[in-house]
PDB file of N, CA and C in Angstrom:
ATOM      1  N   MET A   1     -32.571 -19.304 -10.282  1.00  0.00           N
ATOM      2  CA  MET A   1     -32.035 -18.365  -9.399  1.00  0.00           C
ATOM      3  C   MET A   1     -32.968 -18.248  -8.256  1.00  0.00           C
ATOM      4  N   TYR A   2     -32.507 -17.850  -7.155  1.00  0.00           N
ATOM      5  CA  TYR A   2     -33.350 -17.452  -5.970  1.00  0.00           C
ATOM      6  C   TYR A   2     -34.071 -16.410  -6.239  1.00  0.00           C
ATOM      7  N   PRO A   3     -35.200 -16.014  -5.529  1.00  0.00           N
ATOM      8  CA  PRO A   3     -35.944 -14.714  -5.750  1.00  0.00           C
ATOM      9  C   PRO A   3     -35.222 -13.676  -5.195  1.00  0.00           C
ATOM     10  N   LEU A   4     -34.619 -13.750  -4.140  1.00  0.00           N
ATOM     11  CA  LEU A   4     -33.725 -12.636  -3.546  1.00  0.00           C
ATOM     12  C   LEU A   4     -32.694 -12.209  -4.553  1.00  0.00           C
ATOM     13  N   THR A   5     -31.876 -13.103  -5.141  1.00  0.00           N
ATOM     14  CA  THR A   5     -30.761 -13.152  -6.019  1.00  0.00           C
ATOM     15  C   THR A   5     -31.200 -12.336  -7.339  1.00  0.00           C
ATOM     16  N   ARG A   6     -32.364 -12.768  -7.828  1.00  0.00           N
ATOM     17  CA  ARG A   6     -32.962 -12.075  -8.895  1.00  0.00           C
ATOM     18  C   ARG A   6     -33.451 -10.664  -8.616  1.00  0.00           C
ATOM     19  N   PHE A   7     -33.951 -10.501  -7.432  1.00  0.00           N
ATOM     20  CA  PHE A   7     -34.204  -8.997  -7.126  1.00  0.00           C
ATOM     21  C   PHE A   7     -33.124  -8.190  -6.925  1.00  0.00           C
ATOM     22  N   LEU A   8     -32.005  -8.689  -6.302  1.00  0.00           N
ATOM     23  CA  LEU A   8     -30.846  -7.989  -6.248  1.00  0.00           C
ATOM     24  C   LEU A   8     -30.124  -7.409  -7.452  1.00  0.00           C
ATOM     25  N   ALA A   9     -30.130  -8.594  -8.419  1.00  0.00           N
ATOM     26  CA  ALA A   9     -29.529  -8.341  -9.733  1.00  0.00           C
ATOM     27  C   ALA A   9     -30.200  -7.269 -10.546  1.00  0.00           C
ATOM     28  N   LYS A  10     -31.575  -7.272 -10.302  1.00  0.00           N
ATOM     29  CA  LYS A  10     -32.382  -6.236 -11.141  1.00  0.00           C
ATOM     30  C   LYS A  10     -32.333  -4.841 -10.517  1.00  0.00           C
ATOM     31  N   HIS A  11     -31.845  -4.744  -8.939  1.00  0.00           N
ATOM     32  CA  HIS A  11     -31.707  -3.311  -8.472  1.00  0.00           C
ATOM     33  C   HIS A  11     -30.227  -3.005  -7.877  1.00  0.00           C
ATOM     34  N   THR A  12     -29.402  -3.013  -8.923  1.00  0.00           N
ATOM     35  CA  THR A  12     -28.048  -2.784  -8.661  1.00  0.00           C
ATOM     36  C   THR A  12     -27.676  -1.237  -8.895  1.00  0.00           C
ATOM     37  N   GLN A  13     -26.702  -0.777  -8.310  1.00  0.00           N
ATOM     38  CA  GLN A  13     -26.469   0.573  -8.509  1.00  0.00           C
ATOM     39  C   GLN A  13     -24.871   0.806  -8.150  1.00  0.00           C
ATOM     40  N   ALA A  14     -24.278   1.595  -9.033  1.00  0.00           N
ATOM     41  CA  ALA A  14     -22.729   1.799  -8.608  1.00  0.00           C
ATOM     42  C   ALA A  14     -22.683   2.634  -7.489  1.00  0.00           C
ATOM     43  N   ALA A  15     -21.584   2.205  -6.608  1.00  0.00           N
ATOM     44  CA  ALA A  15     -21.195   3.092  -5.609  1.00  0.00           C
ATOM     45  C   ALA A  15     -20.139   4.310  -5.840  1.00  0.00           C
ATOM     46  N   VAL A  16     -20.325   5.351  -5.530  1.00  0.00           N
ATOM     47  CA  VAL A  16     -19.431   6.478  -5.872  1.00  0.00           C
ATOM     48  C   VAL A  16     -18.981   7.310  -4.481  1.00  0.00           C
ATOM     49  N   LYS A  17     -17.778   7.575  -4.282  1.00  0.00           N
ATOM     50  CA  LYS A  17     -17.216   8.350  -3.218  1.00  0.00           C
ATOM     51  C   LYS A  17     -17.451   9.816  -3.717  1.00  0.00           C
ATOM     52  N   VAL A  18     -18.107  10.324  -2.779  1.00  0.00           N
ATOM     53  CA  VAL A  18     -18.189  11.924  -2.942  1.00  0.00           C
ATOM     54  C   VAL A  18     -17.094  12.707  -2.260  1.00  0.00           C
ATOM     55  N   GLU A  19     -16.205  13.341  -3.333  1.00  0.00           N
ATOM     56  CA  GLU A  19     -15.154  14.068  -2.744  1.00  0.00           C
ATOM     57  C   GLU A  19     -15.381  15.033  -1.519  1.00  0.00           C
ATOM     58  N   GLY A  20     -14.601  15.288  -0.577  1.00  0.00           N
ATOM     59  CA  GLY A  20     -14.896  16.122   0.453  1.00  0.00           C
ATOM     60  C   GLY A  20     -15.557  15.547   1.606  1.00  0.00           C
ATOM     61  N   THR A  21     -15.872  14.243   1.430  1.00  0.00           N
ATOM     62  CA  THR A  21     -16.443  13.399   2.788  1.00  0.00           C
ATOM     63  C   THR A  21     -15.506  13.123   3.611  1.00  0.00           C
ATOM     64  N   THR A  22     -15.747  12.906   4.760  1.00  0.00           N
ATOM     65  CA  THR A  22     -14.714  12.657   5.903  1.00  0.00           C
ATOM     66  C   THR A  22     -14.568  11.158   5.971  1.00  0.00           C
ATOM     67  N   ASP A  23     -13.544  10.639   6.699  1.00  0.00           N
ATOM     68  CA  ASP A  23     -13.416   9.259   6.730  1.00  0.00           C
ATOM     69  C   ASP A  23     -14.166   8.920   8.243  1.00  0.00           C
ATOM     70  N   ILE A  24     -14.584   7.684   8.024  1.00  0.00           N
ATOM     71  CA  ILE A  24     -15.536   7.158   9.329  1.00  0.00           C
ATOM     72  C   ILE A  24     -14.520   6.910  10.465  1.00  0.00           C
ATOM     73  N   VAL A  25     -14.767   7.422  11.566  1.00  0.00           N
ATOM     74  CA  VAL A  25     -13.930   6.946  12.719  1.00  0.00           C
ATOM     75  C   VAL A  25     -14.825   6.649  13.841  1.00  0.00           C
ATOM     76  N   ASP A  26     -14.410   5.478  14.417  1.00  0.00           N
ATOM     77  CA  ASP A  26     -15.047   4.787  15.404  1.00  0.00           C
ATOM     78  C   ASP A  26     -14.383   5.180  16.712  1.00  0.00           C
ATOM     79  N   PRO A  27     -15.107   5.923  17.652  1.00  0.00           N
ATOM     80  CA  PRO A  27     -14.456   6.403  18.885  1.00  0.00           C
ATOM     81  C   PRO A  27     -14.319   5.261  19.770  1.00  0.00           C
ATOM     82  N   ALA A  28     -15.056   4.080  19.651  1.00  0.00           N
ATOM     83  CA  ALA A  28     -14.547   2.969  20.552  1.00  0.00           C
ATOM     84  C   ALA A  28     -13.193   2.403  20.119  1.00  0.00           C
ATOM     85  N   VAL A  29     -12.805   2.427  18.879  1.00  0.00           N
ATOM     86  CA  VAL A  29     -11.675   1.786  18.629  1.00  0.00           C
ATOM     87  C   VAL A  29     -10.434   2.840  19.054  1.00  0.00           C
ATOM     88  N   GLU A  30     -10.626   4.267  18.912  1.00  0.00           N
ATOM     89  CA  GLU A  30      -9.642   5.256  19.387  1.00  0.00           C
ATOM     90  C   GLU A  30      -9.473   4.889  20.801  1.00  0.00           C
ATOM     91  N   GLU A  31     -10.577   4.770  21.551  1.00  0.00           N
ATOM     92  CA  GLU A  31     -10.399   4.593  23.195  1.00  0.00           C
ATOM     93  C   GLU A  31      -9.661   3.277  23.383  1.00  0.00           C
ATOM     94  N   TYR A  32      -9.936   2.180  22.708  1.00  0.00           N
ATOM     95  CA  TYR A  32      -9.318   0.882  22.944  1.00  0.00           C
ATOM     96  C   TYR A  32      -7.886   1.030  22.491  1.00  0.00           C
ATOM     97  N   GLU A  33      -7.509   1.630  21.565  1.00  0.00           N
ATOM     98  CA  GLU A  33      -6.082   1.738  21.235  1.00  0.00           C
ATOM     99  C   GLU A  33      -5.375   2.750  22.113  1.00  0.00           C
ATOM    100  N   ALA A  34      -6.050   3.658  22.682  1.00  0.00           N
ATOM    101  CA  ALA A  34      -5.291   4.750  23.824  1.00  0.00           C
ATOM    102  C   ALA A  34      -5.005   3.803  24.906  1.00  0.00           C
ATOM    103  N   GLY A  35      -5.875   2.899  25.471  1.00  0.00           N
ATOM    104  CA  GLY A  35      -5.705   2.088  26.545  1.00  0.00           C
ATOM    105  C   GLY A  35      -4.895   0.973  26.564  1.00  0.00           C
ATOM    106  N   HIS A  36      -4.633   0.458  25.335  1.00  0.00           N
ATOM    107  CA  HIS A  36      -3.833  -0.768  25.110  1.00  0.00           C
ATOM    108  C   HIS A  36      -2.705  -0.709  24.209  1.00  0.00           C
ATOM    109  N   SER A  37      -1.658  -1.248  24.486  1.00  0.00           N
ATOM    110  CA  SER A  37      -0.551  -1.190  23.577  1.00  0.00           C
ATOM    111  C   SER A  37      -0.708  -2.253  22.471  1.00  0.00           C
ATOM    112  N   VAL A  38      -0.419  -1.960  21.257  1.00  0.00           N
ATOM    113  CA  VAL A  38      -0.730  -2.823  20.359  1.00  0.00           C
ATOM    114  C   VAL A  38       0.308  -3.789  20.123  1.00  0.00           C
ATOM    115  N   GLU A  39       0.031  -5.086  20.101  1.00  0.00           N
ATOM    116  CA  GLU A  39       1.227  -5.947  19.926  1.00  0.00           C
ATOM    117  C   GLU A  39       0.821  -6.888  18.704  1.00  0.00           C
ATOM    118  N   VAL A  40       1.871  -7.131  17.978  1.00  0.00           N
ATOM    119  CA  VAL A  40       1.735  -8.007  16.705  1.00  0.00           C
ATOM    120  C   VAL A  40       2.305  -9.230  17.122  1.00  0.00           C
ATOM    121  N   ARG A  41       1.334 -10.219  17.134  1.00  0.00           N
ATOM    122  CA  ARG A  41       1.777 -11.750  17.447  1.00  0.00           C
ATOM    123  C   ARG A  41       1.965 -12.699  16.049  1.00  0.00           C
ATOM    124  N   THR A  42       2.853 -13.420  16.206  1.00  0.00           N
ATOM    125  CA  THR A  42       2.948 -14.202  14.896  1.00  0.00           C
ATOM    126  C   THR A  42       2.898 -15.584  15.479  1.00  0.00           C
ATOM    127  N   SER A  43       2.580 -16.559  14.555  1.00  0.00           N
ATOM    128  CA  SER A  43       2.476 -17.979  14.980  1.00  0.00           C
ATOM    129  C   SER A  43       3.836 -18.652  15.147  1.00  0.00           C
ATOM    130  N   GLU A  44       3.665 -19.586  15.959  1.00  0.00           N
ATOM    131  CA  GLU A  44       5.154 -20.564  16.022  1.00  0.00           C
ATOM    132  C   GLU A  44       5.853 -20.939  14.732  1.00  0.00           C
ATOM    133  N   ARG A  45       4.808 -21.178  13.705  1.00  0.00           N
ATOM    134  CA  ARG A  45       5.354 -21.769  12.469  1.00  0.00           C
ATOM    135  C   ARG A  45       6.077 -20.383  11.829  1.00  0.00           C
ATOM    136  N   GLU A  46       5.476 -19.158  11.897  1.00  0.00           N
ATOM    137  CA  GLU A  46       6.256 -18.039  11.256  1.00  0.00           C
ATOM    138  C   GLU A  46       7.634 -17.811  11.878  1.00  0.00           C
ATOM    139  N   ASP A  47       7.506 -17.944  13.295  1.00  0.00           N
ATOM    140  CA  ASP A  47       8.697 -17.686  13.910  1.00  0.00           C
ATOM    141  C   ASP A  47       9.864 -18.804  13.437  1.00  0.00           C
ATOM    142  N   SER A  48       9.512 -20.096  13.421  1.00  0.00           N
ATOM    143  CA  SER A  48      10.470 -21.076  12.994  1.00  0.00           C
ATOM    144  C   SER A  48      10.875 -20.950  11.566  1.00  0.00           C
ATOM    145  N   LEU A  49      10.059 -20.357  10.798  1.00  0.00           N
ATOM    146  CA  LEU A  49      10.373 -20.187   9.381  1.00  0.00           C
ATOM    147  C   LEU A  49      11.355 -18.810   9.380  1.00  0.00           C
ATOM    148  N   LYS A  50      11.147 -17.940  10.126  1.00  0.00           N
ATOM    149  CA  LYS A  50      12.131 -16.812  10.044  1.00  0.00           C
ATOM    150  C   LYS A  50      13.626 -17.296  10.654  1.00  0.00           C
ATOM    151  N   ARG A  51      13.669 -18.220  11.678  1.00  0.00           N
ATOM    152  CA  ARG A  51      14.915 -18.676  12.178  1.00  0.00           C
ATOM    153  C   ARG A  51      15.522 -19.487  11.056  1.00  0.00           C
ATOM    154  N   ASP A  52      14.849 -20.302  10.420  1.00  0.00           N
ATOM    155  CA  ASP A  52      15.330 -21.131   9.334  1.00  0.00           C
ATOM    156  C   ASP A  52      16.168 -20.149   8.267  1.00  0.00           C
ATOM    157  N   ILE A  53      15.562 -19.189   8.030  1.00  0.00           N
ATOM    158  CA  ILE A  53      15.870 -18.143   6.844  1.00  0.00           C
ATOM    159  C   ILE A  53      17.179 -17.485   7.210  1.00  0.00           C
ATOM    160  N   VAL A  54      17.336 -17.141   8.431  1.00  0.00           N
ATOM    161  CA  VAL A  54      18.392 -16.484   8.997  1.00  0.00           C
ATOM    162  C   VAL A  54      19.468 -17.206   9.148  1.00  0.00           C
TER     163      VAL A  54
END
């Protein structure tokens, strides 16, 4: 094993969510979404598959 892998294997700890903590909110994401309409784009392959199914 690599030394870093061995070190990390020896120093592991379980992650626990503390009740009552708030969700992380990135103001840059909110600003971006407010200024841009969100479009969902599908690939041409997905579009052709949808046409074949219908």
